[in-house]
């Protein structure tokens, strides 16, 4: 038998030093958010895998970059990101929290700036970046991924065939 510690009383709770949490419940909720294997990612991966495409999950497309893509097709140089509407500031669905608005404005704005920087760095290195919102249809995202990876693989094959031995 394990004894569970009592849950903190929200009236007497104070956030840890430097915490963004406005309540104990908010902190528990935010700590439970996943950064990979979300439902939209899994739905897309399932369709892509069923079509016979193979990829790496939550991998850095570039060795020196501290950012990971949700799906990485290495030889074809295609990086796929499935962005959450809240965390990446979806223009259709993002609603700024009323609590601690300055923190969240900076946090989400920083995420968007990092996304644009990631896109630019990958494009400069010859990668194709595909970004989808979590609310987009997995089937539509799958069709875009399939077309992009297939066309990039065909282009690689043509370049390889054109090389003299």
C-alpha atoms as a PDB file:
ATOM      1  CA  UNK A   1       0.000   0.000   0.000  1.00  0.00           C
ATOM      2  CA  UNK A   2       1.380   3.382  -0.968  1.00  0.00           C
ATOM      3  CA  UNK A   3       0.451   6.534   0.834  1.00  0.00           C
ATOM      4  CA  UNK A   4      -0.189   9.493  -1.405  1.00  0.00           C
ATOM      5  CA  UNK A   5       0.906  12.898  -0.169  1.00  0.00           C
ATOM      6  CA  UNK A   6      -1.955  15.333   0.267  1.00  0.00           C
ATOM      7  CA  UNK A   7      -2.725  17.534  -2.692  1.00  0.00           C
ATOM      8  CA  UNK A   8      -1.709  21.134  -2.144  1.00  0.00           C
ATOM      9  CA  UNK A   9      -4.447  23.464  -1.022  1.00  0.00           C
ATOM     10  CA  UNK A  10      -4.875  25.976  -3.832  1.00  0.00           C
ATOM     11  CA  UNK A  11      -5.610  28.767  -1.346  1.00  0.00           C
ATOM     12  CA  UNK A  12      -2.262  28.409   0.406  1.00  0.00           C
ATOM     13  CA  UNK A  13      -0.209  27.383  -2.633  1.00  0.00           C
ATOM     14  CA  UNK A  14       2.623  29.618  -3.787  1.00  0.00           C
ATOM     15  CA  UNK A  15       4.450  28.965  -7.028  1.00  0.00           C
ATOM     16  CA  UNK A  16       8.087  27.850  -6.927  1.00  0.00           C
ATOM     17  CA  UNK A  17      10.674  30.550  -7.587  1.00  0.00           C
ATOM     18  CA  UNK A  18      10.527  31.612 -11.252  1.00  0.00           C
ATOM     19  CA  UNK A  19       7.406  29.551 -11.963  1.00  0.00           C
ATOM     20  CA  UNK A  20       4.857  30.623 -14.567  1.00  0.00           C
ATOM     21  CA  UNK A  21       2.039  28.740 -12.839  1.00  0.00           C
ATOM     22  CA  UNK A  22      -0.866  30.741 -11.476  1.00  0.00           C
ATOM     23  CA  UNK A  23      -2.225  27.836  -9.399  1.00  0.00           C
ATOM     24  CA  UNK A  24      -1.282  24.323  -8.281  1.00  0.00           C
ATOM     25  CA  UNK A  25      -3.867  22.875 -10.679  1.00  0.00           C
ATOM     26  CA  UNK A  26      -2.488  24.978 -13.545  1.00  0.00           C
ATOM     27  CA  UNK A  27       1.042  23.790 -12.772  1.00  0.00           C
ATOM     28  CA  UNK A  28      -0.023  20.096 -12.743  1.00  0.00           C
ATOM     29  CA  UNK A  29      -1.861  20.583 -16.032  1.00  0.00           C
ATOM     30  CA  UNK A  30       1.042  22.303 -17.767  1.00  0.00           C
ATOM     31  CA  UNK A  31       3.591  19.761 -16.531  1.00  0.00           C
ATOM     32  CA  UNK A  32       1.410  17.031 -18.048  1.00  0.00           C
ATOM     33  CA  UNK A  33       1.580  18.459 -21.584  1.00  0.00           C
ATOM     34  CA  UNK A  34       3.379  16.209 -24.036  1.00  0.00           C
ATOM     35  CA  UNK A  35       6.112  17.442 -26.334  1.00  0.00           C
ATOM     36  CA  UNK A  36       5.930  14.372 -28.585  1.00  0.00           C
ATOM     37  CA  UNK A  37       3.562  11.537 -29.439  1.00  0.00           C
ATOM     38  CA  UNK A  38       0.492  13.764 -29.401  1.00  0.00           C
ATOM     39  CA  UNK A  39      -2.730  12.457 -30.952  1.00  0.00           C
ATOM     40  CA  UNK A  40      -2.346  14.525 -34.154  1.00  0.00           C
ATOM     41  CA  UNK A  41       1.267  13.313 -34.563  1.00  0.00           C
ATOM     42  CA  UNK A  42       0.316   9.681 -33.995  1.00  0.00           C
ATOM     43  CA  UNK A  43      -2.552   9.907 -36.500  1.00  0.00           C
ATOM     44  CA  UNK A  44      -0.233  11.331 -39.153  1.00  0.00           C
ATOM     45  CA  UNK A  45       2.524   8.809 -38.404  1.00  0.00           C
ATOM     46  CA  UNK A  46       0.052   5.948 -38.679  1.00  0.00           C
ATOM     47  CA  UNK A  47      -1.021   6.996 -42.184  1.00  0.00           C
ATOM     48  CA  UNK A  48       2.548   7.663 -43.325  1.00  0.00           C
ATOM     49  CA  UNK A  49       3.775   4.318 -42.003  1.00  0.00           C
ATOM     50  CA  UNK A  50       0.833   2.439 -43.559  1.00  0.00           C
ATOM     51  CA  UNK A  51       1.821   3.923 -46.938  1.00  0.00           C
ATOM     52  CA  UNK A  52       5.257   2.346 -46.573  1.00  0.00           C
ATOM     53  CA  UNK A  53       7.243   5.500 -45.823  1.00  0.00           C
ATOM     54  CA  UNK A  54       9.834   5.202 -43.085  1.00  0.00           C
ATOM     55  CA  UNK A  55      10.988   8.083 -40.932  1.00  0.00           C
ATOM     56  CA  UNK A  56      12.552   8.995 -37.621  1.00  0.00           C
ATOM     57  CA  UNK A  57      10.477  10.401 -34.770  1.00  0.00           C
ATOM     58  CA  UNK A  58      11.421  13.443 -32.665  1.00  0.00           C
ATOM     59  CA  UNK A  59      14.880  13.709 -34.237  1.00  0.00           C
ATOM     60  CA  UNK A  60      17.186  16.624 -34.938  1.00  0.00           C
ATOM     61  CA  UNK A  61      17.303  17.169 -38.693  1.00  0.00           C
ATOM     62  CA  UNK A  62      20.639  18.994 -38.342  1.00  0.00           C
ATOM     63  CA  UNK A  63      23.271  17.703 -35.948  1.00  0.00           C
ATOM     64  CA  UNK A  64      24.262  21.098 -34.559  1.00  0.00           C
ATOM     65  CA  UNK A  65      20.710  22.343 -34.041  1.00  0.00           C
ATOM     66  CA  UNK A  66      18.994  21.867 -30.669  1.00  0.00           C
ATOM     67  CA  UNK A  67      15.564  21.426 -32.244  1.00  0.00           C
ATOM     68  CA  UNK A  68      13.702  18.303 -33.197  1.00  0.00           C
ATOM     69  CA  UNK A  69      11.159  17.689 -35.926  1.00  0.00           C
ATOM     70  CA  UNK A  70       8.180  15.406 -35.352  1.00  0.00           C
ATOM     71  CA  UNK A  71       8.963  13.273 -38.430  1.00  0.00           C
ATOM     72  CA  UNK A  72      12.286  13.302 -40.264  1.00  0.00           C
ATOM     73  CA  UNK A  73      12.851  11.760 -43.684  1.00  0.00           C
ATOM     74  CA  UNK A  74      16.650  11.956 -43.715  1.00  0.00           C
ATOM     75  CA  UNK A  75      17.772  11.098 -47.240  1.00  0.00           C
ATOM     76  CA  UNK A  76      14.900  13.081 -48.776  1.00  0.00           C
ATOM     77  CA  UNK A  77      15.633  15.968 -46.387  1.00  0.00           C
ATOM     78  CA  UNK A  78      12.028  16.542 -45.359  1.00  0.00           C
ATOM     79  CA  UNK A  79      11.254  17.687 -41.814  1.00  0.00           C
ATOM     80  CA  UNK A  80       7.643  17.575 -40.628  1.00  0.00           C
ATOM     81  CA  UNK A  81       6.297  19.544 -37.663  1.00  0.00           C
ATOM     82  CA  UNK A  82       2.801  19.189 -36.205  1.00  0.00           C
ATOM     83  CA  UNK A  83       2.350  22.393 -34.227  1.00  0.00           C
ATOM     84  CA  UNK A  84      -0.066  22.771 -31.339  1.00  0.00           C
ATOM     85  CA  UNK A  85      -2.502  25.648 -31.740  1.00  0.00           C
ATOM     86  CA  UNK A  86      -1.807  27.082 -28.281  1.00  0.00           C
ATOM     87  CA  UNK A  87       1.966  26.676 -28.120  1.00  0.00           C
ATOM     88  CA  UNK A  88       2.664  27.945 -31.633  1.00  0.00           C
ATOM     89  CA  UNK A  89       0.080  30.737 -31.837  1.00  0.00           C
ATOM     90  CA  UNK A  90      -2.388  29.396 -34.395  1.00  0.00           C
ATOM     91  CA  UNK A  91      -4.057  32.382 -36.085  1.00  0.00           C
ATOM     92  CA  UNK A  92      -7.419  30.552 -36.042  1.00  0.00           C
ATOM     93  CA  UNK A  93      -7.478  28.999 -32.564  1.00  0.00           C
ATOM     94  CA  UNK A  94      -4.969  30.661 -30.249  1.00  0.00           C
ATOM     95  CA  UNK A  95      -6.582  32.453 -27.327  1.00  0.00           C
ATOM     96  CA  UNK A  96      -4.193  34.259 -25.022  1.00  0.00           C
ATOM     97  CA  UNK A  97      -4.627  33.359 -21.356  1.00  0.00           C
ATOM     98  CA  UNK A  98      -6.073  36.099 -19.180  1.00  0.00           C
ATOM     99  CA  UNK A  99      -3.798  35.159 -16.294  1.00  0.00           C
ATOM    100  CA  UNK A 100      -0.217  36.372 -16.616  1.00  0.00           C
ATOM    101  CA  UNK A 101      -0.716  37.736 -20.163  1.00  0.00           C
ATOM    102  CA  UNK A 102       2.733  39.344 -20.468  1.00  0.00           C
ATOM    103  CA  UNK A 103       4.469  36.045 -19.751  1.00  0.00           C
ATOM    104  CA  UNK A 104       2.336  34.159 -22.282  1.00  0.00           C
ATOM    105  CA  UNK A 105       2.661  36.813 -24.986  1.00  0.00           C
ATOM    106  CA  UNK A 106       6.462  36.567 -24.719  1.00  0.00           C
ATOM    107  CA  UNK A 107       6.448  32.757 -24.429  1.00  0.00           C
ATOM    108  CA  UNK A 108       4.249  32.129 -27.479  1.00  0.00           C
ATOM    109  CA  UNK A 109       5.962  34.910 -29.450  1.00  0.00           C
ATOM    110  CA  UNK A 110       9.319  33.281 -28.682  1.00  0.00           C
ATOM    111  CA  UNK A 111       8.019  29.922 -29.902  1.00  0.00           C
ATOM    112  CA  UNK A 112       6.849  31.485 -33.177  1.00  0.00           C
ATOM    113  CA  UNK A 113      10.203  33.256 -33.675  1.00  0.00           C
ATOM    114  CA  UNK A 114      12.047  29.981 -32.997  1.00  0.00           C
ATOM    115  CA  UNK A 115       9.805  28.178 -35.516  1.00  0.00           C
ATOM    116  CA  UNK A 116      10.640  30.750 -38.225  1.00  0.00           C
ATOM    117  CA  UNK A 117      14.352  30.507 -37.370  1.00  0.00           C
ATOM    118  CA  UNK A 118      14.177  26.708 -37.562  1.00  0.00           C
ATOM    119  CA  UNK A 119      12.454  26.907 -40.953  1.00  0.00           C
ATOM    120  CA  UNK A 120      15.103  29.289 -42.294  1.00  0.00           C
ATOM    121  CA  UNK A 121      18.038  27.237 -40.999  1.00  0.00           C
ATOM    122  CA  UNK A 122      16.671  24.005 -42.401  1.00  0.00           C
ATOM    123  CA  UNK A 123      15.862  25.592 -45.779  1.00  0.00           C
ATOM    124  CA  UNK A 124      19.387  27.017 -45.938  1.00  0.00           C
ATOM    125  CA  UNK A 125      20.729  23.476 -45.377  1.00  0.00           C
ATOM    126  CA  UNK A 126      18.606  22.117 -48.249  1.00  0.00           C
ATOM    127  CA  UNK A 127      15.698  20.727 -46.232  1.00  0.00           C
ATOM    128  CA  UNK A 128      12.021  20.999 -47.080  1.00  0.00           C
ATOM    129  CA  UNK A 129      10.002  21.977 -43.997  1.00  0.00           C
ATOM    130  CA  UNK A 130       6.356  20.978 -43.740  1.00  0.00           C
ATOM    131  CA  UNK A 131       4.360  22.531 -40.886  1.00  0.00           C
ATOM    132  CA  UNK A 132       0.845  21.510 -39.987  1.00  0.00           C
ATOM    133  CA  UNK A 133      -1.509  22.700 -37.269  1.00  0.00           C
ATOM    134  CA  UNK A 134      -2.868  20.124 -34.847  1.00  0.00           C
ATOM    135  CA  UNK A 135      -6.418  20.855 -36.044  1.00  0.00           C
ATOM    136  CA  UNK A 136      -5.665  19.988 -39.682  1.00  0.00           C
ATOM    137  CA  UNK A 137      -6.936  16.715 -41.072  1.00  0.00           C
ATOM    138  CA  UNK A 138      -4.409  13.886 -40.713  1.00  0.00           C
ATOM    139  CA  UNK A 139      -5.379  12.704 -44.203  1.00  0.00           C
ATOM    140  CA  UNK A 140      -4.651  16.091 -45.797  1.00  0.00           C
ATOM    141  CA  UNK A 141      -1.324  16.303 -43.960  1.00  0.00           C
ATOM    142  CA  UNK A 142      -0.507  12.750 -45.034  1.00  0.00           C
ATOM    143  CA  UNK A 143      -1.146  13.577 -48.705  1.00  0.00           C
ATOM    144  CA  UNK A 144       1.182  16.588 -48.487  1.00  0.00           C
ATOM    145  CA  UNK A 145       3.915  14.534 -46.779  1.00  0.00           C
ATOM    146  CA  UNK A 146       3.563  11.684 -49.285  1.00  0.00           C
ATOM    147  CA  UNK A 147       3.814  14.038 -52.252  1.00  0.00           C
ATOM    148  CA  UNK A 148       6.785  15.953 -50.810  1.00  0.00           C
ATOM    149  CA  UNK A 149       8.786  12.882 -49.834  1.00  0.00           C
ATOM    150  CA  UNK A 150       8.013  11.084 -53.104  1.00  0.00           C
ATOM    151  CA  UNK A 151       9.022  14.044 -55.279  1.00  0.00           C
ATOM    152  CA  UNK A 152      12.215  14.640 -53.295  1.00  0.00           C
ATOM    153  CA  UNK A 153      13.117  10.947 -53.555  1.00  0.00           C
ATOM    154  CA  UNK A 154      12.493  11.008 -57.324  1.00  0.00           C
ATOM    155  CA  UNK A 155      14.724  14.063 -57.672  1.00  0.00           C
ATOM    156  CA  UNK A 156      17.468  12.301 -55.690  1.00  0.00           C
ATOM    157  CA  UNK A 157      17.154   9.217 -57.881  1.00  0.00           C
ATOM    158  CA  UNK A 158      17.419  11.312 -61.060  1.00  0.00           C
ATOM    159  CA  UNK A 159      20.501  13.078 -59.730  1.00  0.00           C
ATOM    160  CA  UNK A 160      22.023   9.741 -58.762  1.00  0.00           C
ATOM    161  CA  UNK A 161      21.293   8.244 -62.199  1.00  0.00           C
ATOM    162  CA  UNK A 162      22.805  11.270 -63.921  1.00  0.00           C
ATOM    163  CA  UNK A 163      26.150  10.886 -62.132  1.00  0.00           C
ATOM    164  CA  UNK A 164      28.885   9.297 -64.239  1.00  0.00           C
ATOM    165  CA  UNK A 165      30.534   6.285 -62.617  1.00  0.00           C
END
